[in-house]
Every structure is written in structure tokens, then in C-alpha cells.
C-alpha atoms as a PDB file:
ATOM      1  CA  MET A   1      -0.256   0.048   0.187  1.00  0.00           C
ATOM      2  CA  SER A   2       1.127   3.595  -0.673  1.00  0.00           C
ATOM      3  CA  THR A   3       0.381   7.062  -0.156  1.00  0.00           C
ATOM      4  CA  GLY A   4       1.617  10.520  -1.317  1.00  0.00           C
ATOM      5  CA  ILE A   5       1.538  14.088  -0.388  1.00  0.00           C
ATOM      6  CA  ILE A   6       2.617  17.593  -1.534  1.00  0.00           C
ATOM      7  CA  ILE A   7       5.065  19.698   0.716  1.00  0.00           C
ATOM      8  CA  ALA A   8       5.437  23.128  -0.049  1.00  0.00           C
ATOM      9  CA  LEU A   9       9.218  23.085   0.690  1.00  0.00           C
ATOM     10  CA  PRO A  10      12.290  22.045  -1.654  1.00  0.00           C
ATOM     11  CA  ARG A  11      12.667  18.534  -2.149  1.00  0.00           C
ATOM     12  CA  GLU A  12      16.089  18.241  -0.244  1.00  0.00           C
ATOM     13  CA  ARG A  13      14.539  20.066   3.063  1.00  0.00           C
ATOM     14  CA  VAL A  14      11.915  17.143   2.587  1.00  0.00           C
ATOM     15  CA  ALA A  15      14.235  14.198   2.110  1.00  0.00           C
ATOM     16  CA  ASP A  16      17.292  15.556   4.329  1.00  0.00           C
ATOM     17  CA  PHE A  17      14.558  15.252   7.343  1.00  0.00           C
ATOM     18  CA  ALA A  18      12.117  12.666   6.255  1.00  0.00           C
ATOM     19  CA  GLY A  19      14.876  10.325   4.776  1.00  0.00           C
ATOM     20  CA  ASP A  20      17.105  10.405   8.436  1.00  0.00           C
ATOM     21  CA  PRO A  21      15.881   7.459  10.375  1.00  0.00           C
ATOM     22  CA  SER A  22      16.751   9.487  13.654  1.00  0.00           C
ATOM     23  CA  ASN A  23      13.664  11.718  13.040  1.00  0.00           C
ATOM     24  CA  ALA A  24      11.303   8.757  12.482  1.00  0.00           C
ATOM     25  CA  PRO A  25       9.771   9.167  15.942  1.00  0.00           C
ATOM     26  CA  ARG A  26       9.002  12.731  15.456  1.00  0.00           C
ATOM     27  CA  TRP A  27       6.899  11.978  12.538  1.00  0.00           C
ATOM     28  CA  GLN A  28       5.976   8.627  12.283  1.00  0.00           C
ATOM     29  CA  ALA A  29       3.494   7.729  15.366  1.00  0.00           C
ATOM     30  CA  GLY A  30       3.930   4.023  15.187  1.00  0.00           C
ATOM     31  CA  VAL A  31       7.806   4.596  15.757  1.00  0.00           C
ATOM     32  CA  LEU A  32       9.024   4.659  19.214  1.00  0.00           C
ATOM     33  CA  ASP A  33      12.717   4.375  19.103  1.00  0.00           C
ATOM     34  CA  VAL A  34      15.349   3.980  16.290  1.00  0.00           C
ATOM     35  CA  GLU A  35      18.730   2.851  16.723  1.00  0.00           C
ATOM     36  CA  TRP A  36      21.332   2.620  14.265  1.00  0.00           C
ATOM     37  CA  ALA A  37      23.279  -0.437  14.654  1.00  0.00           C
ATOM     38  CA  ASN A  38      26.200   1.063  12.108  1.00  0.00           C
ATOM     39  CA  ARG A  39      27.278   4.208  12.214  1.00  0.00           C
ATOM     40  CA  PRO A  40      25.977   7.167   9.931  1.00  0.00           C
ATOM     41  CA  PRO A  41      25.911   8.487   7.370  1.00  0.00           C
ATOM     42  CA  LEU A  42      22.779   6.271   5.906  1.00  0.00           C
ATOM     43  CA  ARG A  43      24.119   3.904   3.059  1.00  0.00           C
ATOM     44  CA  GLU A  44      23.163   0.537   1.424  1.00  0.00           C
ATOM     45  CA  GLY A  45      23.712  -2.087   4.125  1.00  0.00           C
ATOM     46  CA  THR A  46      22.908   0.130   6.648  1.00  0.00           C
ATOM     47  CA  ARG A  47      21.345  -1.501   9.988  1.00  0.00           C
ATOM     48  CA  LEU A  48      18.305   0.009  11.845  1.00  0.00           C
ATOM     49  CA  ARG A  49      16.878  -1.345  14.985  1.00  0.00           C
ATOM     50  CA  VAL A  50      13.176  -0.013  15.313  1.00  0.00           C
ATOM     51  CA  VAL A  51      10.841  -0.455  18.140  1.00  0.00           C
ATOM     52  CA  ALA A  52       7.478  -0.006  16.450  1.00  0.00           C
ATOM     53  CA  ARG A  53       3.692   0.359  18.354  1.00  0.00           C
ATOM     54  CA  LEU A  54       0.977  -0.964  15.972  1.00  0.00           C
ATOM     55  CA  LEU A  55      -2.851  -1.572  17.525  1.00  0.00           C
ATOM     56  CA  GLY A  56      -1.268  -2.162  21.230  1.00  0.00           C
ATOM     57  CA  ARG A  57       1.329  -4.442  20.213  1.00  0.00           C
ATOM     58  CA  THR A  58       5.025  -3.525  20.633  1.00  0.00           C
ATOM     59  CA  LEU A  59       6.561  -4.783  17.392  1.00  0.00           C
ATOM     60  CA  ARG A  60      10.716  -5.199  17.360  1.00  0.00           C
ATOM     61  CA  PHE A  61      12.236  -5.196  13.977  1.00  0.00           C
ATOM     62  CA  THR A  62      15.954  -4.643  12.252  1.00  0.00           C
ATOM     63  CA  PHE A  63      15.526  -3.184   8.926  1.00  0.00           C
ATOM     64  CA  GLN A  64      18.646  -2.922   6.392  1.00  0.00           C
ATOM     65  CA  VAL A  65      18.775  -0.153   3.637  1.00  0.00           C
ATOM     66  CA  THR A  66      18.652  -2.171   0.464  1.00  0.00           C
ATOM     67  CA  ASP A  67      18.385   1.112  -2.005  1.00  0.00           C
ATOM     68  CA  PHE A  68      19.405   4.552  -1.119  1.00  0.00           C
ATOM     69  CA  VAL A  69      19.602   7.619  -3.385  1.00  0.00           C
ATOM     70  CA  PRO A  70      20.166  10.323  -1.255  1.00  0.00           C
ATOM     71  CA  ARG A  71      17.317  13.272  -1.975  1.00  0.00           C
ATOM     72  CA  ALA A  72      15.511  10.792  -4.165  1.00  0.00           C
ATOM     73  CA  ARG A  73      14.509   7.391  -2.248  1.00  0.00           C
ATOM     74  CA  LEU A  74      15.404   5.057   0.534  1.00  0.00           C
ATOM     75  CA  VAL A  75      14.351   1.522   0.762  1.00  0.00           C
ATOM     76  CA  VAL A  76      14.497  -0.479   3.720  1.00  0.00           C
ATOM     77  CA  ARG A  77      13.430  -4.205   4.728  1.00  0.00           C
ATOM     78  CA  ALA A  78      12.875  -6.281   7.210  1.00  0.00           C
ATOM     79  CA  VAL A  79      15.784  -8.639   8.127  1.00  0.00           C
ATOM     80  CA  ARG A  80      14.600  -9.392  11.390  1.00  0.00           C
ATOM     81  CA  GLY A  81      11.094  -8.816  13.507  1.00  0.00           C
ATOM     82  CA  PRO A  82       8.023 -10.532  13.881  1.00  0.00           C
ATOM     83  CA  PHE A  83       6.855 -10.384  10.172  1.00  0.00           C
ATOM     84  CA  PRO A  84       8.586  -9.656   6.732  1.00  0.00           C
ATOM     85  CA  ALA A  85       8.415  -6.033   6.057  1.00  0.00           C
ATOM     86  CA  GLN A  86       9.669  -3.587   3.449  1.00  0.00           C
ATOM     87  CA  ALA A  87       9.139   0.479   3.746  1.00  0.00           C
ATOM     88  CA  SER A  88      10.130   2.777   0.588  1.00  0.00           C
ATOM     89  CA  TYR A  89      10.189   6.456   0.576  1.00  0.00           C
ATOM     90  CA  ALA A  90      10.326   8.360  -2.449  1.00  0.00           C
ATOM     91  CA  TRP A  91      11.233  12.469  -3.010  1.00  0.00           C
ATOM     92  CA  GLU A  92       9.930  14.408  -6.551  1.00  0.00           C
ATOM     93  CA  ALA A  93      10.573  17.998  -6.836  1.00  0.00           C
ATOM     94  CA  LEU A  94       7.472  19.244  -8.461  1.00  0.00           C
ATOM     95  CA  ASP A  95       9.106  22.703  -8.316  1.00  0.00           C
ATOM     96  CA  PRO A  96      11.812  24.450  -6.687  1.00  0.00           C
ATOM     97  CA  ARG A  97       9.217  24.958  -3.390  1.00  0.00           C
ATOM     98  CA  ARG A  98       7.193  22.061  -3.800  1.00  0.00           C
ATOM     99  CA  THR A  99       8.093  18.354  -3.083  1.00  0.00           C
ATOM    100  CA  ARG A 100       5.916  14.986  -3.595  1.00  0.00           C
ATOM    101  CA  MET A 101       6.628  12.332  -1.427  1.00  0.00           C
ATOM    102  CA  VAL A 102       5.654   8.900  -1.777  1.00  0.00           C
ATOM    103  CA  LEU A 103       5.572   6.220   1.421  1.00  0.00           C
ATOM    104  CA  ARG A 104       5.358   2.590   0.126  1.00  0.00           C
ATOM    105  CA  VAL A 105       4.817  -0.334   2.721  1.00  0.00           C
ATOM    106  CA  HIS A 106       4.536  -3.790   2.195  1.00  0.00           C
ATOM    107  CA  ALA A 107       4.115  -6.379   4.760  1.00  0.00           C
ATOM    108  CA  GLU A 108       3.249 -10.015   5.375  1.00  0.00           C
ATOM    109  CA  PRO A 109       2.036 -10.151   8.978  1.00  0.00           C
ATOM    110  CA  ARG A 110       0.861 -13.750  10.357  1.00  0.00           C
ATOM    111  CA  GLY A 111      -2.423 -14.363  10.897  1.00  0.00           C
ATOM    112  CA  PRO A 112      -5.599 -12.390   9.236  1.00  0.00           C
ATOM    113  CA  ALA A 113      -3.858  -9.440   7.556  1.00  0.00           C
ATOM    114  CA  GLY A 114      -7.180  -7.198   7.405  1.00  0.00           C
ATOM    115  CA  TRP A 115      -6.748  -5.870  10.716  1.00  0.00           C
ATOM    116  CA  TRP A 116      -3.240  -5.083  10.053  1.00  0.00           C
ATOM    117  CA  ALA A 117      -3.669  -3.483   6.371  1.00  0.00           C
ATOM    118  CA  ALA A 118      -6.606  -0.796   7.732  1.00  0.00           C
ATOM    119  CA  ALA A 119      -4.348   0.306  10.553  1.00  0.00           C
ATOM    120  CA  VAL A 120      -1.368   0.916   8.216  1.00  0.00           C
ATOM    121  CA  ARG A 121      -3.251   2.914   5.603  1.00  0.00           C
ATOM    122  CA  ARG A 122      -4.689   5.286   8.054  1.00  0.00           C
ATOM    123  CA  THR A 123      -1.387   5.796   9.918  1.00  0.00           C
ATOM    124  CA  LEU A 124       0.464   6.016   6.767  1.00  0.00           C
ATOM    125  CA  GLY A 125      -1.841   9.272   5.153  1.00  0.00           C
ATOM    126  CA  ARG A 126      -1.860  10.745   9.740  1.00  0.00           C
ATOM    127  CA  ASP A 127       1.914  10.244   9.187  1.00  0.00           C
ATOM    128  CA  LEU A 128       2.541  12.110   6.029  1.00  0.00           C
ATOM    129  CA  ALA A 129       0.119  15.001   7.252  1.00  0.00           C
ATOM    130  CA  ARG A 130       2.004  15.148  10.438  1.00  0.00           C
ATOM    131  CA  LEU A 131       5.337  15.407   8.225  1.00  0.00           C
ATOM    132  CA  ARG A 132       4.233  18.204   6.151  1.00  0.00           C
ATOM    133  CA  ALA A 133       2.833  20.164   9.296  1.00  0.00           C
ATOM    134  CA  LEU A 134       6.280  19.786  11.171  1.00  0.00           C
ATOM    135  CA  LEU A 135       7.938  20.948   8.158  1.00  0.00           C
ATOM    136  CA  GLU A 136       6.073  23.694   7.088  1.00  0.00           C
ATOM    137  CA  ALA A 137       5.814  25.057  10.206  1.00  0.00           C
ATOM    138  CA  HIS A 138       9.578  25.126  10.605  1.00  0.00           C
ATOM    139  CA  GLY A 139       9.624  26.131   6.546  1.00  0.00           C
END
């Protein structure tokens, strides 16, 4: 599933903030903590330990960066966790002052997936709206 949003800031500003895993708890409601397993900067192969909360459950993952083009895209895949998951972030400059950000999540939770898909769809939209409000407020 994927969702996107237009943010009234240059691509560099949006991608630098949203593409820094350390900022995830500031705009992704379900992300409680991110710990770098490797030293920054972000690059392919970087591993991140993430503690998340979804539908009252605390989930622990280790994600690995599988694709990274600075200020264009970031893809992470769970190499350890309760179920397979992947997230991709993409940033496109619409003009010098506006950026389209698209967030895609693919996961295969064990058991009935319907509960998870509906919750994630709602969460993604809210997270992107929170990101836009945070970034545009500090323009």
C-alpha cells in the first residue's frame, strides 16, 4: 500500500529530514525508537533497530537499507522481526518549492492481514500529514 503528499518545501529539505531514520519518531506515530546498528551516514547495507507500536502491540525489527539514492529514494527491508516488511520513501521535486513524497509499505503479518492493512493505511496518511505540518511550520 502507498500514500503520498505534497509538501511546500524544496525536495532537499523534505528528503534530508524524512530520510534521516533518527527523525522517524518525530513524524511516524508508530515508531517509538530508532537505533543505528552502523555509524551514520546512511548508505546501502546500513542496519537500524526499530521499536514500533501498532494496534497496542510493541514490535521490534531490524531493518537494512537495500536501496538509497540521497534526496531521491530510500528502501528498507526487515531482516529481523515478527513478520517480513519493507518500506520505501520517494521524493520528487514538483518545482523549486514543492515536493511530492510517496511512502510505500509492504508487509506480511502472520495471521489475518485485514486488521493490519486497515491500520497501516490510516497511519501512513496521518504520518505524512504530521510530517508536512512539522516541516511547513518550521519552513
